[in-house]
C-alpha atoms as a PDB file:
ATOM      1  CA  UNK A   1     107.479  88.789  55.620  1.00  0.00           C
ATOM      2  CA  UNK A   2     108.968  86.852  58.504  1.00  0.00           C
ATOM      3  CA  UNK A   3     111.521  89.567  59.095  1.00  0.00           C
ATOM      4  CA  UNK A   4     108.752  92.150  59.245  1.00  0.00           C
ATOM      5  CA  UNK A   5     106.806  90.082  61.788  1.00  0.00           C
ATOM      6  CA  UNK A   6     109.916  89.753  63.985  1.00  0.00           C
ATOM      7  CA  UNK A   7     110.378  93.516  63.901  1.00  0.00           C
ATOM      8  CA  UNK A   8     106.766  94.051  64.976  1.00  0.00           C
ATOM      9  CA  UNK A   9     107.094  91.451  67.753  1.00  0.00           C
ATOM     10  CA  UNK A  10     110.269  93.133  68.977  1.00  0.00           C
ATOM     11  CA  UNK A  11     108.589  96.557  69.046  1.00  0.00           C
ATOM     12  CA  UNK A  12     105.515  95.159  70.808  1.00  0.00           C
ATOM     13  CA  UNK A  13     107.665  93.398  73.413  1.00  0.00           C
ATOM     14  CA  UNK A  14     109.644  96.584  73.995  1.00  0.00           C
ATOM     15  CA  UNK A  15     106.468  98.636  74.455  1.00  0.00           C
ATOM     16  CA  UNK A  16     105.030  96.000  76.756  1.00  0.00           C
ATOM     17  CA  UNK A  17     108.158  96.137  78.915  1.00  0.00           C
ATOM     18  CA  UNK A  18     107.922  99.926  79.146  1.00  0.00           C
ATOM     19  CA  UNK A  19     104.243  99.739  80.011  1.00  0.00           C
ATOM     20  CA  UNK A  20     104.981  97.298  82.835  1.00  0.00           C
ATOM     21  CA  UNK A  21     107.475  99.784  84.256  1.00  0.00           C
ATOM     22  CA  UNK A  22     104.953 102.605  84.046  1.00  0.00           C
ATOM     23  CA  UNK A  23     102.240 100.551  85.720  1.00  0.00           C
ATOM     24  CA  UNK A  24     104.593  99.507  88.525  1.00  0.00           C
ATOM     25  CA  UNK A  25     105.737 103.098  89.008  1.00  0.00           C
ATOM     26  CA  UNK A  26     102.126 104.300  89.175  1.00  0.00           C
ATOM     27  CA  UNK A  27     101.304 101.577  91.703  1.00  0.00           C
ATOM     28  CA  UNK A  28     104.288 102.605  93.828  1.00  0.00           C
ATOM     29  CA  UNK A  29     103.205 106.262  93.767  1.00  0.00           C
ATOM     30  CA  UNK A  30      99.678 105.333  94.811  1.00  0.00           C
ATOM     31  CA  UNK A  31     100.999 103.162  97.650  1.00  0.00           C
ATOM     32  CA  UNK A  32     103.227 105.958  98.943  1.00  0.00           C
ATOM     33  CA  UNK A  33     100.398 108.481  98.761  1.00  0.00           C
ATOM     34  CA  UNK A  34      98.116 106.209 100.806  1.00  0.00           C
ATOM     35  CA  UNK A  35     100.860 105.587 103.350  1.00  0.00           C
ATOM     36  CA  UNK A  36     101.590 109.298 103.751  1.00  0.00           C
ATOM     37  CA  UNK A  37      98.010 110.183 104.691  1.00  0.00           C
ATOM     38  CA  UNK A  38      98.395 108.792 108.201  1.00  0.00           C
ATOM     39  CA  UNK A  39      95.845 109.008 111.000  1.00  0.00           C
ATOM     40  CA  UNK A  40      94.055 112.325 110.489  1.00  0.00           C
ATOM     41  CA  UNK A  41      91.839 112.058 113.595  1.00  0.00           C
ATOM     42  CA  UNK A  42      94.748 111.951 116.044  1.00  0.00           C
ATOM     43  CA  UNK A  43      96.525 114.726 114.178  1.00  0.00           C
ATOM     44  CA  UNK A  44      93.399 116.913 114.281  1.00  0.00           C
ATOM     45  CA  UNK A  45      93.070 116.529 118.065  1.00  0.00           C
ATOM     46  CA  UNK A  46      96.735 117.378 118.540  1.00  0.00           C
ATOM     47  CA  UNK A  47      96.430 120.394 116.253  1.00  0.00           C
ATOM     48  CA  UNK A  48      93.404 121.666 118.186  1.00  0.00           C
ATOM     49  CA  UNK A  49      95.253 121.309 121.486  1.00  0.00           C
ATOM     50  CA  UNK A  50      98.289 123.100 120.058  1.00  0.00           C
ATOM     51  CA  UNK A  51      96.205 125.977 118.705  1.00  0.00           C
ATOM     52  CA  UNK A  52      94.490 126.445 122.089  1.00  0.00           C
ATOM     53  CA  UNK A  53      97.858 126.413 123.862  1.00  0.00           C
ATOM     54  CA  UNK A  54      99.292 128.950 121.424  1.00  0.00           C
ATOM     55  CA  UNK A  55      96.230 131.208 121.749  1.00  0.00           C
ATOM     56  CA  UNK A  56      96.584 131.141 125.548  1.00  0.00           C
ATOM     57  CA  UNK A  57     100.276 132.025 125.260  1.00  0.00           C
ATOM     58  CA  UNK A  58      99.518 134.940 122.941  1.00  0.00           C
ATOM     59  CA  UNK A  59      96.816 136.205 125.316  1.00  0.00           C
ATOM     60  CA  UNK A  60      99.246 136.052 128.249  1.00  0.00           C
ATOM     61  CA  UNK A  61     101.901 137.977 126.326  1.00  0.00           C
ATOM     62  CA  UNK A  62      99.374 140.635 125.268  1.00  0.00           C
ATOM     63  CA  UNK A  63      98.154 140.995 128.865  1.00  0.00           C
ATOM     64  CA  UNK A  64     101.726 141.410 130.100  1.00  0.00           C
ATOM     65  CA  UNK A  65     102.414 144.004 127.406  1.00  0.00           C
ATOM     66  CA  UNK A  66      99.261 145.953 128.334  1.00  0.00           C
ATOM     67  CA  UNK A  67     100.244 145.880 132.009  1.00  0.00           C
ATOM     68  CA  UNK A  68     103.749 147.105 131.188  1.00  0.00           C
ATOM     69  CA  UNK A  69     102.300 149.919 129.062  1.00  0.00           C
ATOM     70  CA  UNK A  70      99.973 150.918 131.909  1.00  0.00           C
ATOM     71  CA  UNK A  71     102.869 150.997 134.369  1.00  0.00           C
ATOM     72  CA  UNK A  72     104.913 153.081 131.938  1.00  0.00           C
ATOM     73  CA  UNK A  73     102.014 155.530 131.568  1.00  0.00           C
ATOM     74  CA  UNK A  74     101.701 155.795 135.387  1.00  0.00           C
ATOM     75  CA  UNK A  75     105.434 156.478 135.633  1.00  0.00           C
ATOM     76  CA  UNK A  76     105.230 159.193 132.985  1.00  0.00           C
ATOM     77  CA  UNK A  77     102.211 160.743 134.728  1.00  0.00           C
ATOM     78  CA  UNK A  78     104.025 160.706 138.088  1.00  0.00           C
ATOM     79  CA  UNK A  79     107.148 162.257 136.510  1.00  0.00           C
ATOM     80  CA  UNK A  80     105.001 164.971 134.912  1.00  0.00           C
ATOM     81  CA  UNK A  81     103.338 165.745 138.241  1.00  0.00           C
ATOM     82  CA  UNK A  82     106.713 166.158 139.954  1.00  0.00           C
ATOM     83  CA  UNK A  83     107.962 168.497 137.208  1.00  0.00           C
ATOM     84  CA  UNK A  84     104.784 170.612 137.397  1.00  0.00           C
ATOM     85  CA  UNK A  85     105.137 171.227 141.142  1.00  0.00           C
END
């Protein structure tokens, strides 16, 4: 009977040791997840400023492309007028 009790104590101690490791690992994961969240308010302001800057850049590029297309159309129209005369 004593041998049986020692075996049960050994198994219980082993399981307890594994459970401690799991609890510590879970605590570490939770700590890392909280630390990785960071300051969302500052990041949101920066993201808004970046999106406005990018939208302005895209608008400028589209305006330049439209102007270049208009100049190309004027050149083609002028070349066609010279050929027709």
